[in-house]
Amino acid sequence: MKKKIFLKISSLVIVGVTSLVLGTTGANAASFEDMKEHVESGEGQIYNPISNEIMDEEKSLEYVQYIEEAVENPDSEEIPEETQIAAFIETKSDNPIQLQEDAIFPAKMARGAHPPTSKPVVVDDFARPYQSNTFSGSGWRFSGMRFTVRNVSKNPYFGVRATLDTFTFFNGMHDVFVPVSNTFVYTISNFRGTPLDGYFATWNPVSGSRYYIY
């Protein structure tokens, strides 16, 4: 099994993406109710940025319960950031399995090789989860666009998943490990007052792998 160590750059390429499917009405990023529904049905887990872990089903359910007890109507009210952070602290594992301990993204990159720098695409506008083009090749591969959430009050969470190979969603706040899964991993769309603004990257991807986000 290949080990993805973010220490050496070789053959960095920005990968093209499929056409976006945009909605004309409503926001379709992950509301609290979206996340809750998937977690309670066993079809979703929650990423904890405090402990850098994807929490198991039990811990994910505890997180949902904590938010529900702390906020009277979390699906229609803004969930205070301090409540989200407190929930992550309260529900983190005692001995979490750290994700990508050796994954260090280099501060300096090879000439001409850079992550996408264009204006981020708004996840709220997706009519359904965005599916990337397939990835292949060796060395670094990047998504061809950045992603952000416009309305973090209405969409306090976002979901990611991957097929065939893992990715990392780099957003400058709490980089999210994206596992190979048929279910979404959820995390907060802003952290310490800053909305997410990030991109996907993978090292030596398995041919045909792709990521999803909403």
N, C-alpha and C. Protein backbone atom coordinates (compact mmCIF):
# COMPACT_ATOMS: atom_id res chain seq x y z
N MET A 1 0.86 -1.20 0.00
CA MET A 1 0.00 0.00 0.00
C MET A 1 0.89 1.24 0.00
N LYS A 2 0.64 2.14 -0.93
CA LYS A 2 1.52 3.29 -1.05
C LYS A 2 1.38 4.22 0.14
N LYS A 3 2.46 4.85 0.50
CA LYS A 3 2.45 5.79 1.62
C LYS A 3 2.53 7.19 1.07
N LYS A 4 1.57 8.01 1.43
CA LYS A 4 1.51 9.38 0.90
C LYS A 4 2.25 10.31 1.84
N ILE A 5 3.50 10.59 1.55
CA ILE A 5 4.29 11.48 2.39
C ILE A 5 4.49 12.78 1.65
N PHE A 6 4.05 13.86 2.26
CA PHE A 6 4.07 15.14 1.58
C PHE A 6 5.40 15.86 1.84
N LEU A 7 6.51 15.23 1.44
CA LEU A 7 7.81 15.82 1.72
C LEU A 7 8.58 16.17 0.45
N LYS A 8 8.29 15.45 -0.63
CA LYS A 8 9.08 15.62 -1.84
C LYS A 8 8.15 15.89 -3.01
N ILE A 9 8.48 16.84 -3.82
CA ILE A 9 7.64 17.19 -4.96
C ILE A 9 8.24 16.60 -6.23
N SER A 10 7.41 15.95 -7.01
CA SER A 10 7.82 15.52 -8.34
C SER A 10 6.60 15.42 -9.20
N SER A 11 6.71 15.98 -10.37
CA SER A 11 5.61 15.91 -11.35
C SER A 11 4.30 16.38 -10.77
N LEU A 12 4.26 17.64 -10.39
CA LEU A 12 3.01 18.19 -9.86
C LEU A 12 2.18 18.71 -11.01
N VAL A 13 0.93 18.29 -11.05
CA VAL A 13 0.06 18.65 -12.16
C VAL A 13 -1.30 19.02 -11.62
N ILE A 14 -1.88 20.08 -12.14
CA ILE A 14 -3.25 20.42 -11.78
C ILE A 14 -4.18 19.65 -12.69
N VAL A 15 -5.12 18.95 -12.08
CA VAL A 15 -6.03 18.10 -12.83
C VAL A 15 -7.28 18.87 -13.17
N GLY A 16 -7.78 18.69 -14.38
CA GLY A 16 -9.01 19.35 -14.80
C GLY A 16 -10.19 18.78 -14.07
N VAL A 17 -11.31 19.49 -14.12
CA VAL A 17 -12.50 19.06 -13.41
C VAL A 17 -13.68 19.03 -14.36
N THR A 18 -14.70 18.30 -13.96
CA THR A 18 -15.91 18.22 -14.76
C THR A 18 -16.69 19.51 -14.65
N SER A 19 -17.68 19.67 -15.50
CA SER A 19 -18.54 20.85 -15.43
C SER A 19 -19.32 20.84 -14.14
N LEU A 20 -19.48 22.00 -13.54
CA LEU A 20 -20.24 22.10 -12.30
C LEU A 20 -21.72 21.98 -12.58
N VAL A 21 -22.42 21.35 -11.65
CA VAL A 21 -23.87 21.32 -11.70
C VAL A 21 -24.36 22.31 -10.67
N LEU A 22 -24.93 23.42 -11.10
CA LEU A 22 -25.32 24.49 -10.19
C LEU A 22 -26.83 24.55 -10.06
N GLY A 23 -27.28 24.81 -8.85
CA GLY A 23 -28.71 24.93 -8.62
C GLY A 23 -29.18 26.35 -8.83
N THR A 24 -30.43 26.50 -9.16
CA THR A 24 -30.98 27.83 -9.35
C THR A 24 -31.74 28.31 -8.13
N THR A 25 -32.10 27.39 -7.26
CA THR A 25 -32.82 27.77 -6.04
C THR A 25 -32.26 27.01 -4.87
N GLY A 26 -32.22 27.69 -3.72
CA GLY A 26 -31.86 27.02 -2.48
C GLY A 26 -30.37 26.72 -2.38
N ALA A 27 -29.94 26.46 -1.15
CA ALA A 27 -28.56 26.09 -0.89
C ALA A 27 -28.50 24.60 -0.63
N ASN A 28 -27.43 23.95 -1.12
CA ASN A 28 -27.38 22.51 -0.98
C ASN A 28 -26.07 22.03 -0.41
N ALA A 29 -25.38 22.88 0.35
CA ALA A 29 -24.28 22.39 1.15
C ALA A 29 -24.91 21.69 2.35
N ALA A 30 -24.12 21.27 3.30
CA ALA A 30 -24.64 20.42 4.37
C ALA A 30 -25.17 21.23 5.55
N SER A 31 -26.47 21.19 5.74
CA SER A 31 -27.07 21.77 6.93
C SER A 31 -26.87 20.80 8.09
N PHE A 32 -27.19 21.25 9.29
CA PHE A 32 -27.10 20.36 10.44
C PHE A 32 -28.01 19.15 10.25
N GLU A 33 -29.21 19.38 9.71
CA GLU A 33 -30.16 18.29 9.52
C GLU A 33 -29.64 17.28 8.50
N ASP A 34 -28.97 17.75 7.45
CA ASP A 34 -28.36 16.84 6.47
C ASP A 34 -27.36 15.92 7.16
N MET A 35 -26.46 16.55 7.91
CA MET A 35 -25.43 15.78 8.60
C MET A 35 -26.03 14.81 9.59
N LYS A 36 -26.98 15.29 10.39
CA LYS A 36 -27.62 14.45 11.39
C LYS A 36 -28.27 13.23 10.76
N GLU A 37 -28.99 13.45 9.67
CA GLU A 37 -29.68 12.36 8.99
C GLU A 37 -28.72 11.27 8.54
N HIS A 38 -27.60 11.69 7.97
CA HIS A 38 -26.63 10.71 7.48
C HIS A 38 -25.89 10.01 8.62
N VAL A 39 -25.59 10.74 9.67
CA VAL A 39 -24.91 10.12 10.81
C VAL A 39 -25.82 9.11 11.49
N GLU A 40 -27.07 9.48 11.72
CA GLU A 40 -28.00 8.59 12.41
C GLU A 40 -28.35 7.35 11.59
N SER A 41 -28.26 7.45 10.28
CA SER A 41 -28.55 6.29 9.43
C SER A 41 -27.31 5.45 9.17
N GLY A 42 -26.18 5.84 9.76
CA GLY A 42 -24.94 5.10 9.56
C GLY A 42 -24.27 5.39 8.23
N GLU A 43 -24.68 6.47 7.57
CA GLU A 43 -24.16 6.80 6.25
C GLU A 43 -23.25 8.03 6.28
N GLY A 44 -22.79 8.41 7.46
CA GLY A 44 -21.90 9.56 7.55
C GLY A 44 -21.14 9.54 8.87
N GLN A 45 -19.94 10.12 8.86
CA GLN A 45 -19.14 10.29 10.07
C GLN A 45 -18.68 11.74 10.14
N ILE A 46 -18.14 12.12 11.28
CA ILE A 46 -17.75 13.51 11.49
C ILE A 46 -16.24 13.60 11.72
N TYR A 47 -15.62 14.54 11.03
CA TYR A 47 -14.21 14.81 11.23
C TYR A 47 -14.06 15.82 12.36
N ASN A 48 -13.19 15.51 13.31
CA ASN A 48 -12.96 16.37 14.46
C ASN A 48 -11.64 17.12 14.28
N PRO A 49 -11.67 18.43 14.02
CA PRO A 49 -10.44 19.18 13.80
C PRO A 49 -9.61 19.38 15.06
N ILE A 50 -10.23 19.22 16.22
CA ILE A 50 -9.50 19.38 17.48
C ILE A 50 -8.55 18.21 17.70
N SER A 51 -9.03 17.00 17.44
CA SER A 51 -8.23 15.79 17.66
C SER A 51 -7.70 15.20 16.36
N ASN A 52 -8.00 15.83 15.23
CA ASN A 52 -7.57 15.35 13.92
C ASN A 52 -7.93 13.89 13.71
N GLU A 53 -9.20 13.60 13.85
CA GLU A 53 -9.67 12.22 13.67
C GLU A 53 -11.03 12.21 12.98
N ILE A 54 -11.29 11.14 12.27
CA ILE A 54 -12.64 10.88 11.79
C ILE A 54 -13.30 10.04 12.87
N MET A 55 -14.26 10.62 13.55
CA MET A 55 -14.87 9.94 14.69
C MET A 55 -15.72 8.76 14.23
N ASP A 56 -15.75 7.72 15.05
CA ASP A 56 -16.55 6.55 14.71
C ASP A 56 -18.03 6.88 14.89
N GLU A 57 -18.87 5.89 14.61
CA GLU A 57 -20.32 6.13 14.65
C GLU A 57 -20.78 6.61 16.02
N GLU A 58 -20.26 6.00 17.08
CA GLU A 58 -20.67 6.37 18.43
C GLU A 58 -20.31 7.82 18.74
N LYS A 59 -19.08 8.21 18.45
CA LYS A 59 -18.63 9.57 18.73
C LYS A 59 -19.35 10.59 17.85
N SER A 60 -19.61 10.21 16.60
CA SER A 60 -20.33 11.11 15.70
C SER A 60 -21.74 11.36 16.22
N LEU A 61 -22.38 10.31 16.72
CA LEU A 61 -23.72 10.46 17.29
C LEU A 61 -23.69 11.33 18.55
N GLU A 62 -22.64 11.18 19.35
CA GLU A 62 -22.49 12.00 20.55
C GLU A 62 -22.35 13.48 20.18
N TYR A 63 -21.64 13.75 19.09
CA TYR A 63 -21.47 15.13 18.64
C TYR A 63 -22.83 15.72 18.25
N VAL A 64 -23.60 14.98 17.48
CA VAL A 64 -24.93 15.44 17.06
C VAL A 64 -25.80 15.72 18.29
N GLN A 65 -25.76 14.81 19.25
CA GLN A 65 -26.57 14.97 20.47
C GLN A 65 -26.14 16.20 21.26
N TYR A 66 -24.84 16.43 21.34
CA TYR A 66 -24.33 17.60 22.08
C TYR A 66 -24.86 18.89 21.45
N ILE A 67 -24.80 18.98 20.13
CA ILE A 67 -25.29 20.19 19.45
C ILE A 67 -26.78 20.37 19.68
N GLU A 68 -27.54 19.29 19.60
CA GLU A 68 -28.99 19.37 19.79
C GLU A 68 -29.35 19.84 21.20
N GLU A 69 -28.58 19.41 22.19
CA GLU A 69 -28.85 19.81 23.56
C GLU A 69 -28.40 21.25 23.84
N ALA A 70 -27.41 21.71 23.09
CA ALA A 70 -26.86 23.05 23.33
C ALA A 70 -27.61 24.14 22.56
N VAL A 71 -28.21 23.78 21.45
CA VAL A 71 -28.92 24.75 20.60
C VAL A 71 -30.36 24.29 20.44
N GLU A 72 -31.30 25.17 20.73
CA GLU A 72 -32.72 24.78 20.74
C GLU A 72 -33.19 24.24 19.40
N ASN A 73 -32.83 24.90 18.32
CA ASN A 73 -33.23 24.44 16.99
C ASN A 73 -32.04 24.58 16.04
N PRO A 74 -31.10 23.63 16.08
CA PRO A 74 -29.85 23.79 15.33
C PRO A 74 -30.01 23.83 13.82
N ASP A 75 -31.15 23.36 13.29
CA ASP A 75 -31.29 23.37 11.84
C ASP A 75 -31.81 24.70 11.31
N SER A 76 -32.36 25.54 12.19
CA SER A 76 -32.85 26.84 11.74
C SER A 76 -32.15 28.00 12.44
N GLU A 77 -31.43 27.70 13.51
CA GLU A 77 -30.67 28.72 14.22
C GLU A 77 -29.19 28.59 13.88
N GLU A 78 -28.48 29.70 13.98
CA GLU A 78 -27.04 29.64 13.80
C GLU A 78 -26.42 28.90 14.98
N ILE A 79 -25.53 27.96 14.69
CA ILE A 79 -24.85 27.22 15.74
C ILE A 79 -23.59 28.01 16.11
N PRO A 80 -23.51 28.55 17.32
CA PRO A 80 -22.34 29.35 17.71
C PRO A 80 -21.05 28.56 17.55
N GLU A 81 -20.02 29.22 17.08
CA GLU A 81 -18.76 28.54 16.87
C GLU A 81 -18.20 27.96 18.16
N GLU A 82 -18.39 28.68 19.26
CA GLU A 82 -17.89 28.16 20.54
C GLU A 82 -18.60 26.87 20.93
N THR A 83 -19.87 26.73 20.50
CA THR A 83 -20.61 25.49 20.76
C THR A 83 -20.05 24.35 19.92
N GLN A 84 -19.75 24.63 18.67
CA GLN A 84 -19.16 23.60 17.81
C GLN A 84 -17.82 23.12 18.37
N ILE A 85 -16.99 24.07 18.77
CA ILE A 85 -15.68 23.71 19.30
C ILE A 85 -15.82 22.93 20.60
N ALA A 86 -16.74 23.37 21.46
CA ALA A 86 -16.97 22.65 22.72
C ALA A 86 -17.45 21.23 22.45
N ALA A 87 -18.28 21.06 21.43
CA ALA A 87 -18.78 19.73 21.07
C ALA A 87 -17.64 18.84 20.60
N PHE A 88 -16.72 19.40 19.81
CA PHE A 88 -15.58 18.62 19.35
C PHE A 88 -14.68 18.22 20.52
N ILE A 89 -14.47 19.13 21.46
CA ILE A 89 -13.63 18.83 22.62
C ILE A 89 -14.28 17.75 23.48
N GLU A 90 -15.59 17.86 23.67
CA GLU A 90 -16.32 16.92 24.51
C GLU A 90 -16.38 15.52 23.92
N THR A 91 -16.45 15.41 22.60
CA THR A 91 -16.69 14.11 21.97
C THR A 91 -15.46 13.48 21.34
N LYS A 92 -14.31 14.13 21.40
CA LYS A 92 -13.11 13.55 20.80
C LYS A 92 -12.70 12.28 21.54
N SER A 93 -12.04 11.40 20.83
CA SER A 93 -11.59 10.15 21.42
C SER A 93 -10.46 10.40 22.40
N ASP A 94 -10.33 9.51 23.39
CA ASP A 94 -9.25 9.65 24.36
C ASP A 94 -7.89 9.41 23.71
N ASN A 95 -7.84 8.43 22.82
CA ASN A 95 -6.60 8.12 22.11
C ASN A 95 -6.89 8.02 20.62
N PRO A 96 -7.14 9.15 19.98
CA PRO A 96 -7.52 9.12 18.57
C PRO A 96 -6.38 8.63 17.68
N ILE A 97 -6.76 7.93 16.62
CA ILE A 97 -5.79 7.52 15.62
C ILE A 97 -5.52 8.72 14.73
N GLN A 98 -4.31 9.24 14.79
CA GLN A 98 -4.00 10.44 14.03
C GLN A 98 -3.96 10.14 12.54
N LEU A 99 -4.52 11.05 11.77
CA LEU A 99 -4.58 10.89 10.33
C LEU A 99 -3.38 11.53 9.67
N GLN A 100 -2.68 10.75 8.84
CA GLN A 100 -1.56 11.28 8.07
C GLN A 100 -0.53 12.01 8.93
N GLU A 101 -0.01 11.30 9.91
CA GLU A 101 0.96 11.93 10.81
C GLU A 101 2.19 12.45 10.06
N ASP A 102 2.58 11.74 9.00
CA ASP A 102 3.78 12.13 8.27
C ASP A 102 3.48 13.04 7.09
N ALA A 103 2.22 13.42 6.96
CA ALA A 103 1.82 14.21 5.80
C ALA A 103 2.13 15.68 6.03
N ILE A 104 3.24 16.13 5.51
CA ILE A 104 3.65 17.52 5.69
C ILE A 104 3.65 18.19 4.32
N PHE A 105 2.79 19.15 4.15
CA PHE A 105 2.73 19.84 2.86
C PHE A 105 3.86 20.85 2.81
N PRO A 106 4.71 20.80 1.79
CA PRO A 106 5.90 21.66 1.74
C PRO A 106 5.55 23.14 1.60
N ALA A 107 6.29 23.97 2.29
CA ALA A 107 6.06 25.41 2.21
C ALA A 107 6.50 25.94 0.84
N LYS A 108 7.55 25.36 0.29
CA LYS A 108 8.04 25.78 -1.02
C LYS A 108 7.82 24.64 -2.01
N MET A 109 7.30 25.02 -3.18
CA MET A 109 6.97 24.02 -4.17
C MET A 109 7.78 24.25 -5.43
N ALA A 110 7.84 23.23 -6.26
CA ALA A 110 8.62 23.31 -7.49
C ALA A 110 8.12 24.45 -8.38
N ARG A 111 9.01 25.03 -9.13
CA ARG A 111 8.66 26.14 -10.01
C ARG A 111 7.55 25.73 -10.99
N GLY A 112 6.53 26.56 -11.09
CA GLY A 112 5.44 26.28 -12.01
C GLY A 112 4.41 25.29 -11.51
N ALA A 113 4.62 24.75 -10.33
CA ALA A 113 3.68 23.76 -9.78
C ALA A 113 2.98 24.36 -8.57
N HIS A 114 1.71 24.65 -8.71
CA HIS A 114 0.99 25.31 -7.63
C HIS A 114 -0.44 24.79 -7.54
N PRO A 115 -1.02 24.80 -6.35
CA PRO A 115 -2.45 24.51 -6.21
C PRO A 115 -3.26 25.58 -6.92
N PRO A 116 -4.54 25.35 -7.16
CA PRO A 116 -5.37 26.35 -7.84
C PRO A 116 -5.45 27.64 -7.03
N THR A 117 -5.42 28.75 -7.72
CA THR A 117 -5.48 30.06 -7.06
C THR A 117 -6.66 30.90 -7.54
N SER A 118 -7.50 30.32 -8.37
CA SER A 118 -8.65 31.06 -8.90
C SER A 118 -9.69 31.32 -7.81
N LYS A 119 -10.64 32.19 -8.10
CA LYS A 119 -11.71 32.49 -7.16
C LYS A 119 -12.45 31.20 -6.82
N PRO A 120 -12.69 30.93 -5.54
CA PRO A 120 -13.31 29.66 -5.16
C PRO A 120 -14.75 29.52 -5.65
N VAL A 121 -15.13 28.30 -5.94
CA VAL A 121 -16.50 27.97 -6.32
C VAL A 121 -17.31 27.81 -5.05
N VAL A 122 -18.55 28.30 -5.05
CA VAL A 122 -19.39 28.27 -3.85
C VAL A 122 -20.15 26.94 -3.76
N VAL A 123 -19.88 26.19 -2.70
CA VAL A 123 -20.50 24.88 -2.51
C VAL A 123 -22.01 25.00 -2.34
N ASP A 124 -22.48 26.10 -1.74
CA ASP A 124 -23.92 26.31 -1.52
C ASP A 124 -24.72 26.18 -2.81
N ASP A 125 -24.10 26.50 -3.95
CA ASP A 125 -24.83 26.56 -5.22
C ASP A 125 -24.99 25.21 -5.91
N PHE A 126 -24.37 24.17 -5.37
CA PHE A 126 -24.45 22.87 -6.03
C PHE A 126 -25.85 22.30 -5.91
N ALA A 127 -26.40 21.82 -7.03
CA ALA A 127 -27.71 21.18 -7.01
C ALA A 127 -27.61 19.77 -6.43
N ARG A 128 -26.42 19.20 -6.51
CA ARG A 128 -26.15 17.89 -5.91
C ARG A 128 -24.65 17.82 -5.65
N PRO A 129 -24.17 16.82 -4.90
CA PRO A 129 -22.73 16.76 -4.61
C PRO A 129 -21.89 16.85 -5.87
N TYR A 130 -20.84 17.64 -5.80
CA TYR A 130 -19.93 17.80 -6.94
C TYR A 130 -19.02 16.59 -7.05
N GLN A 131 -18.88 16.08 -8.25
CA GLN A 131 -18.03 14.93 -8.55
C GLN A 131 -16.90 15.38 -9.46
N SER A 132 -15.67 15.12 -9.07
CA SER A 132 -14.53 15.55 -9.87
C SER A 132 -14.31 14.62 -11.06
N ASN A 133 -13.44 15.04 -11.97
CA ASN A 133 -12.93 14.13 -12.98
C ASN A 133 -12.09 13.06 -12.29
N THR A 134 -11.79 12.00 -12.99
CA THR A 134 -10.93 10.97 -12.43
C THR A 134 -9.48 11.46 -12.43
N PHE A 135 -8.71 10.96 -11.48
CA PHE A 135 -7.30 11.30 -11.33
C PHE A 135 -6.44 10.11 -11.76
N SER A 136 -5.22 10.40 -12.20
CA SER A 136 -4.26 9.36 -12.55
C SER A 136 -2.88 10.00 -12.59
N GLY A 137 -1.85 9.20 -12.85
CA GLY A 137 -0.50 9.72 -12.97
C GLY A 137 0.31 9.57 -11.70
N SER A 138 1.50 10.16 -11.70
CA SER A 138 2.40 10.08 -10.55
C SER A 138 2.67 11.46 -10.00
N GLY A 139 3.18 11.49 -8.77
CA GLY A 139 3.46 12.77 -8.13
C GLY A 139 2.19 13.44 -7.64
N TRP A 140 2.27 14.74 -7.40
CA TRP A 140 1.12 15.49 -6.91
C TRP A 140 0.07 15.69 -7.99
N ARG A 141 -1.18 15.60 -7.57
CA ARG A 141 -2.31 15.95 -8.44
C ARG A 141 -3.24 16.85 -7.64
N PHE A 142 -3.65 17.95 -8.23
CA PHE A 142 -4.50 18.92 -7.55
C PHE A 142 -5.86 19.04 -8.23
N SER A 143 -6.86 19.42 -7.44
CA SER A 143 -8.13 19.80 -8.04
C SER A 143 -7.91 21.07 -8.85
N GLY A 144 -8.71 21.26 -9.88
CA GLY A 144 -8.52 22.43 -10.73
C GLY A 144 -9.24 23.66 -10.21
N MET A 145 -9.83 23.58 -9.02
CA MET A 145 -10.55 24.72 -8.47
C MET A 145 -10.51 24.69 -6.95
N ARG A 146 -10.82 25.82 -6.37
CA ARG A 146 -10.96 25.93 -4.93
C ARG A 146 -12.44 25.92 -4.58
N PHE A 147 -12.76 25.65 -3.32
CA PHE A 147 -14.14 25.58 -2.88
C PHE A 147 -14.33 26.40 -1.61
N THR A 148 -15.51 27.00 -1.47
CA THR A 148 -15.84 27.73 -0.26
C THR A 148 -17.33 27.62 0.01
N VAL A 149 -17.75 28.03 1.21
CA VAL A 149 -19.17 28.08 1.57
C VAL A 149 -19.54 29.53 1.80
N ARG A 150 -20.61 30.00 1.16
CA ARG A 150 -21.03 31.39 1.28
C ARG A 150 -21.78 31.64 2.58
N ASN A 151 -22.76 30.80 2.86
CA ASN A 151 -23.64 31.01 4.01
C ASN A 151 -23.33 29.98 5.09
N VAL A 152 -22.37 30.29 5.95
CA VAL A 152 -21.96 29.33 6.97
C VAL A 152 -22.99 29.20 8.07
N SER A 153 -23.90 30.16 8.18
CA SER A 153 -24.97 30.06 9.18
C SER A 153 -25.99 29.01 8.77
N LYS A 154 -26.37 29.02 7.50
CA LYS A 154 -27.34 28.05 6.99
C LYS A 154 -26.69 26.71 6.69
N ASN A 155 -25.43 26.75 6.31
CA ASN A 155 -24.70 25.53 5.95
C ASN A 155 -23.44 25.43 6.80
N PRO A 156 -23.58 25.09 8.08
CA PRO A 156 -22.43 25.08 8.98
C PRO A 156 -21.47 23.91 8.77
N TYR A 157 -21.84 22.99 7.89
CA TYR A 157 -21.01 21.81 7.65
C TYR A 157 -20.84 21.59 6.14
N PHE A 158 -19.84 20.82 5.79
CA PHE A 158 -19.72 20.36 4.41
C PHE A 158 -19.25 18.91 4.45
N GLY A 159 -19.58 18.17 3.39
CA GLY A 159 -19.25 16.75 3.35
C GLY A 159 -18.29 16.45 2.22
N VAL A 160 -17.37 15.51 2.46
CA VAL A 160 -16.40 15.08 1.45
C VAL A 160 -16.27 13.56 1.48
N ARG A 161 -15.93 13.00 0.35
CA ARG A 161 -15.61 11.57 0.29
C ARG A 161 -14.78 11.33 -0.96
N ALA A 162 -14.21 10.13 -1.08
CA ALA A 162 -13.37 9.80 -2.22
C ALA A 162 -13.59 8.35 -2.62
N THR A 163 -13.29 8.04 -3.87
CA THR A 163 -13.35 6.67 -4.35
C THR A 163 -11.99 6.25 -4.89
N LEU A 164 -11.61 5.02 -4.64
CA LEU A 164 -10.39 4.36 -5.10
C LEU A 164 -9.11 4.83 -4.42
N ASP A 165 -9.03 6.08 -4.01
CA ASP A 165 -7.82 6.56 -3.34
C ASP A 165 -8.17 7.73 -2.43
N THR A 166 -7.32 7.97 -1.46
CA THR A 166 -7.56 9.04 -0.50
C THR A 166 -7.10 10.39 -1.05
N PHE A 167 -7.67 11.45 -0.50
CA PHE A 167 -7.29 12.82 -0.83
C PHE A 167 -7.12 13.59 0.48
N THR A 168 -6.62 14.80 0.38
CA THR A 168 -6.63 15.74 1.50
C THR A 168 -7.25 17.04 1.01
N PHE A 169 -8.15 17.59 1.82
CA PHE A 169 -8.73 18.89 1.50
C PHE A 169 -7.96 19.93 2.28
N PHE A 170 -7.11 20.68 1.59
CA PHE A 170 -6.28 21.71 2.22
C PHE A 170 -7.05 23.02 2.25
N ASN A 171 -7.32 23.54 3.45
CA ASN A 171 -8.08 24.78 3.54
C ASN A 171 -7.45 25.83 4.45
N GLY A 172 -6.24 25.58 4.90
CA GLY A 172 -5.54 26.59 5.68
C GLY A 172 -5.98 26.70 7.12
N MET A 173 -6.99 25.91 7.52
CA MET A 173 -7.47 25.97 8.90
C MET A 173 -7.28 24.61 9.56
N HIS A 174 -8.02 23.63 9.07
CA HIS A 174 -7.88 22.27 9.56
C HIS A 174 -7.98 21.37 8.34
N ASP A 175 -6.84 20.97 7.80
CA ASP A 175 -6.82 20.15 6.60
C ASP A 175 -7.53 18.83 6.87
N VAL A 176 -8.44 18.47 5.97
CA VAL A 176 -9.30 17.31 6.19
C VAL A 176 -8.84 16.12 5.37
N PHE A 177 -8.54 15.02 6.03
CA PHE A 177 -8.24 13.77 5.36
C PHE A 177 -9.52 13.22 4.75
N VAL A 178 -9.49 12.87 3.48
CA VAL A 178 -10.68 12.38 2.77
C VAL A 178 -10.48 10.90 2.46
N PRO A 179 -11.13 10.01 3.21
CA PRO A 179 -10.92 8.58 3.02
C PRO A 179 -11.69 8.02 1.84
N VAL A 180 -11.28 6.83 1.41
CA VAL A 180 -12.05 6.10 0.41
C VAL A 180 -13.30 5.58 1.10
N SER A 181 -14.46 5.99 0.63
CA SER A 181 -15.70 5.64 1.33
C SER A 181 -16.90 5.87 0.44
N ASN A 182 -17.96 5.10 0.70
CA ASN A 182 -19.24 5.32 0.03
C ASN A 182 -20.09 6.33 0.79
N THR A 183 -19.62 6.76 1.95
CA THR A 183 -20.36 7.71 2.77
C THR A 183 -19.54 8.98 2.95
N PHE A 184 -20.20 10.07 3.30
CA PHE A 184 -19.53 11.35 3.45
C PHE A 184 -18.96 11.53 4.85
N VAL A 185 -17.84 12.22 4.91
CA VAL A 185 -17.25 12.67 6.16
C VAL A 185 -17.58 14.16 6.28
N TYR A 186 -18.13 14.56 7.42
CA TYR A 186 -18.58 15.94 7.61
C TYR A 186 -17.66 16.69 8.57
N THR A 187 -17.47 17.97 8.29
CA THR A 187 -16.79 18.83 9.24
C THR A 187 -17.34 20.25 9.07
N ILE A 188 -16.96 21.13 9.98
CA ILE A 188 -17.53 22.48 9.98
C ILE A 188 -17.01 23.30 8.80
N SER A 189 -17.87 24.19 8.29
CA SER A 189 -17.52 24.98 7.12
C SER A 189 -16.78 26.26 7.46
N ASN A 190 -16.59 26.53 8.75
CA ASN A 190 -15.73 27.64 9.16
C ASN A 190 -15.08 27.25 10.48
N PHE A 191 -13.95 27.85 10.76
CA PHE A 191 -13.22 27.50 11.98
C PHE A 191 -12.57 28.75 12.53
N ARG A 192 -12.91 29.06 13.80
CA ARG A 192 -12.39 30.26 14.46
C ARG A 192 -12.63 31.52 13.61
N GLY A 193 -13.86 31.60 13.07
CA GLY A 193 -14.30 32.79 12.37
C GLY A 193 -13.95 32.87 10.89
N THR A 194 -13.25 31.88 10.37
CA THR A 194 -12.84 31.91 8.97
C THR A 194 -13.54 30.83 8.16
N PRO A 195 -14.30 31.20 7.11
CA PRO A 195 -14.96 30.19 6.27
C PRO A 195 -13.92 29.35 5.54
N LEU A 196 -14.27 28.12 5.22
CA LEU A 196 -13.35 27.28 4.47
C LEU A 196 -13.07 27.89 3.10
N ASP A 197 -11.88 27.69 2.60
CA ASP A 197 -11.48 28.09 1.25
C ASP A 197 -10.33 27.16 0.90
N GLY A 198 -10.63 26.10 0.19
CA GLY A 198 -9.60 25.10 -0.01
C GLY A 198 -9.70 24.33 -1.30
N TYR A 199 -8.81 23.37 -1.44
CA TYR A 199 -8.71 22.56 -2.65
C TYR A 199 -8.32 21.14 -2.25
N PHE A 200 -8.48 20.23 -3.19
CA PHE A 200 -8.13 18.83 -2.96
C PHE A 200 -6.76 18.52 -3.58
N ALA A 201 -6.03 17.61 -2.95
CA ALA A 201 -4.75 17.17 -3.48
C ALA A 201 -4.55 15.70 -3.14
N THR A 202 -3.79 15.02 -3.98
CA THR A 202 -3.47 13.61 -3.73
C THR A 202 -2.10 13.32 -4.31
N TRP A 203 -1.43 12.33 -3.77
CA TRP A 203 -0.07 11.98 -4.19
C TRP A 203 -0.08 10.60 -4.83
N ASN A 204 0.44 10.50 -6.04
CA ASN A 204 0.47 9.23 -6.78
C ASN A 204 -0.90 8.55 -6.77
N PRO A 205 -1.92 9.19 -7.29
CA PRO A 205 -3.28 8.64 -7.18
C PRO A 205 -3.47 7.35 -7.95
N VAL A 206 -4.32 6.51 -7.40
CA VAL A 206 -4.76 5.32 -8.13
C VAL A 206 -5.57 5.79 -9.33
N SER A 207 -5.30 5.21 -10.49
CA SER A 207 -6.00 5.63 -11.70
C SER A 207 -7.51 5.45 -11.55
N GLY A 208 -8.25 6.48 -11.87
CA GLY A 208 -9.70 6.42 -11.77
C GLY A 208 -10.26 6.96 -10.48
N SER A 209 -9.40 7.37 -9.54
CA SER A 209 -9.88 7.91 -8.27
C SER A 209 -10.49 9.28 -8.47
N ARG A 210 -11.38 9.66 -7.57
CA ARG A 210 -12.02 10.97 -7.64
C ARG A 210 -12.52 11.38 -6.27
N TYR A 211 -12.85 12.67 -6.12
CA TYR A 211 -13.39 13.17 -4.86
C TYR A 211 -14.78 13.73 -5.09
N TYR A 212 -15.52 13.89 -3.98
CA TYR A 212 -16.86 14.46 -3.99
C TYR A 212 -16.94 15.48 -2.86
N ILE A 213 -17.71 16.55 -3.08
CA ILE A 213 -17.91 17.55 -2.03
C ILE A 213 -19.29 18.17 -2.17
N TYR A 214 -19.90 18.47 -1.01
CA TYR A 214 -21.15 19.26 -1.02
C TYR A 214 -21.31 19.92 0.33
